[in-house]
Amino acid sequence: MNDFLKKNSRTILMDIAMVVLFLLVGFAYFQEPVSQGMVLGGHDTDASIGQGRELTEYYESHDGETTRWTNSQFSGMPTYQMAPSYSATQFLGKVAGIYELGMTGVMCYTFVFLLGFYILLRAFDFKPYLAALGAILWTFSSYFFIIIGAGHIWKVMTLAFVPPTIGGLVLCYRGKYLLGGAVTALFTAFQILSNHVQMTYYFGFVMFFIVLAYLIQALRSKKKTDAAQNSGEAFPATRLSLSRWAKATGVILVAGLLGVAANLPNIYHTYDYAKHTMRGGTELSPLPAKDAEPAEATAADKSGGLDFDYITQWSYGVDETLTLLIPRYKGGGSGEPALTEENLYDDPQAQLLPYVQQLAQQGVPQPPGVTQYWGNQPMTVGPVYVGAFVCFLFILGLFIVKGPMKWALAAATILSLVFAWGHNVPAVTHFLIDHLPMYNKFRTVSSALVIAEFTMPLLGIMALARIFQNREILRTTRGKAGFAAATVLSAGVCLLFWMFPSLAGNCISANEFPFMESIAEVIGKDFAQSYTDALTAVRHSTLSASAGRSLLIIFISGIILFCAARWKRFPAWAACVLLGAVSLADMWSVNREYLNVEKNFTDPVAQTGKFLQKTPADELILRDKSYYRVLNLSTGQTFNENATSYWHHSIGGYHAAKLQRYQDLIDRQLVPEISSLGKGIFQEPGAEMALLADSLCPVLNMLNMKYVILPGNGNNLVVACNDHANGNGWFVNNVKFVKGADEEMSALTGLDTKHAAIADEEFRHVLEGSPLGNGSVKLTKYEPNELHYDISSEKGGVVVFSEVYYPGWTATVDGEAVEVGRVNYLLRAIKVPAGNHKVVLDFHPATVATTNVIAYTAIAIVLLLFAGAVVFQFTRKIKNKP
């Protein structure tokens, strides 16, 4: 034992020191908000607060039970993608909390990013100082800080767990089957727990290429390990035969299945739910172009996935890819700079102030031309910048690193770029959408650049390891060629754009051309040309400065690297410290532009305060203690905001995975009805308004829309009271059966929803055969997942509820189960016999309990494997076994 500690104490202490370093780096970056107790803002953070209130209240009042349904937004939807929390995954989350050292918030995010990549590089058997440098290069890539600022926390955590998952894979192929399998299983479980399928999907390709690289290595198993290592192979010194490759692959597959099983409740219900969301595709035939509604009308297609335009709306420009090297190649973020007299001489952008002022005098609003971004994406918070030195190292690695691993990382990088380019390479993207499984389930393809953000620093560290392993490598023909190529393709490109920024064109985006043309028509061609010239000059100045900055970073880093390669007495650890300091200073300053205290953090009281502070409109509506829905038209973002959901049951909302049938209803019925509302509203004395005609919005009425919030004078809001809402439930006099979604939607248009209903033929056996008559329906108890009614009628009949239909809802009449049907495209309906009855609608899916049992079993196996692997490794080293 003493011999073991004496032999390994230096390595153990170095690993501990690196963990402490990662804590310090994270605290240094976020010192100001952390010390002041501030929290992240961001659109997605606000959205989660708005939609989460009903879930939180239910959880607190039901001893920690999670409701699987909420009526806070979109008239009701499952919570599988709002609160994917099950007892098994809650336990798994506590295990993940140990790995995260119990931290939460921004300190946690940077720490797990740093530690995860460090684990990966240590799995490759790189020295601690090299692994720490690689962790910094990975973590401080700008995109990660941008998504932290935006509140995309599930994406952040998923990405943080990717490197250690791949680290487990590497350990398996190095022959450490038990430890590698345990690490793979544990971090696969953590990764899936973080619940961002798109990121997991992308990195599945990376793992595929790595597994393929090891297969090629195994096929070359006749070569000596030493020869492979001395020739620059990016593999640890482990002989890999086909049998060992097969054994390692089998272990990885079993480990992956255990990680999946540990999250089975979330995976199963997400999979089942996805079939009913926009990612599952619409059942409706496309509208003719002139009839299509603009708001996400083509977001889904009938093939079972998202539409091409929706998938590729955020596509990275082909030339925009140079932001990996030059952060401001396309300017930066879409936010508008403050153009004032005070910064007229300080900010190059402020040269445009006179033009903006003249445009304002002509009644033209502040033009898009003064934004800091001139790429062709609809908007962006900031560029994807991996670091100038990382780009240099990556290119160098393509020359001096040998073996299939290099080509695996290069192939993954190219695939990442092709994915991200989206509609800029339409033929390729159409092919991927049509033939690559699951590719059409995800949008914002620009986010695929996370693959390049992973592969580039990884290959770069392999290149550094190769140099430190053989200091003479840069003197060889291959080394000289690699260094020259890396210099030309990184520093040379920066030099060109520093000296000749006009090579990038006039820096006017396609999105800005229509505005420039309108200026020429309204004010005159001379002014428009003058304005365009000034704008181009400003943007060329911005691009040149950014290119010069990247050139300087490469120059300084290149000198350090050159000295370390030429001077053998220059310690490798010292070179890594210097290179890390330069890269950290570079990427730190870029990230500060997109994640800082002023823009992204707020007081926690203020964060929730904007929801807690009721408007007069809210107070007026909340006087009504009955159960109803609210339509908020005051923001112009009815179906893209969740503030309304904090206080009310909203017809609108914000969620990336809303039910497809509800989206269909928005496109085909709600948007047209909303546009006609103004024709039926008149001002009454006081703050309230009323709706005139019952026929104006029959579909909104069937959703029990009782109140509409409208913009008033100034910042004031007014409330329209709708006395024509159908209520919580009602008997109908007629049920018409039709075939298919198209006929359902067509028949719904103009339907008298108070007295008639439309149902698909598949529900004929549920709703047919009952006498149709009148009666009363009274809601007696409300919980989001359990509704109680007193229903009475003389004849009985079909009762329609103003509740969204979804498989899993059950109904009982006086305790006896009855089937739930679907009417009017998405509402629930049941048959009720004559007389007085107690009806309960309930949503407690039985699959939750079943999948929880399986998940607990898998988690127990994973933890036992991990504990056993650690003990085995420890005892084996003590015994000094190979």
Foldseek 3Di string as FASTA:
>chain_A
DVVLCVVCVVQVVLLVVLLVVLLVVLCVLCVVCVVVVWAWFAAVVLQLLLQCQQQVVVCVVPVRDGAQKFLLFQNIDGCLVNPVDEPLLVVLVVVVCVVLVVDDHSSSLSSLQLVLQLLLVVLQVDGSLLSNLLSLLLSLFQVLLQVSLNVVVLVSQLLSLLSQLVSLLLNLQLVLLLQSLLSNLSSLLSNVSSPDVVVVVLCVLLSVLVLVQSQVQQVVLVDQLVVCVLQFASHPSGRGHPVSSVVSVVSNVVSNVLSCLLSVLSVVVVVVLLCQWQQQFDQDDQDPPVQFDDPCSQQGHRVGFGDLCQQQLQAQAPVNVCCQQQFCLFFWFQDADDQDPVCCPPALLNVLVVVQVVCVVLVHHRASLRGRGAEARPTGLTGRYSALQLLLLLLLLCQRHDGSSNVSLVVSQVVLNVQRRRVVPPVVNVCCCVPPPPSRHHHNSNVSNSSVSNSSSVSSSSSLVSCLVALCSCVDPSNVVSNVVSCCVRLVVLVCLLVCVCVSPLSHHPVRVVVLVVCCVSPRPVSSVVSSNSSSVSSSVVSNVSSVVSNVLNVVLVVLSNCVSVPVVCDSSNSSVVNSVSRCVVSSVSSCSSNHCVSTIDHPCVSCVVLVDDAPQLVVVVVDPDAAEEQEPAPVCRQDDSSSSNRGSYSHGHDPTDGPLSVVCVGQAVVQLVVQQVVQWDDDPDQEIEGHDLQSHQPSLLLRHQWYWHQDPDRDIGIYGYPNRLPFKWFAQEEAEDATDNVLSVVLVSDNVNHYKYFYPVCCVFAPDFHGDGWDWAWDDDRSFKTKIKIADAAWHKMWGSHFDDPQKWKDKQNHTGDWGAISSTTTMGTDGHGITMMMIGHDHPVSVVSSVSSSVSVVVSVVSVVVSVVVVVVCVVVPHD
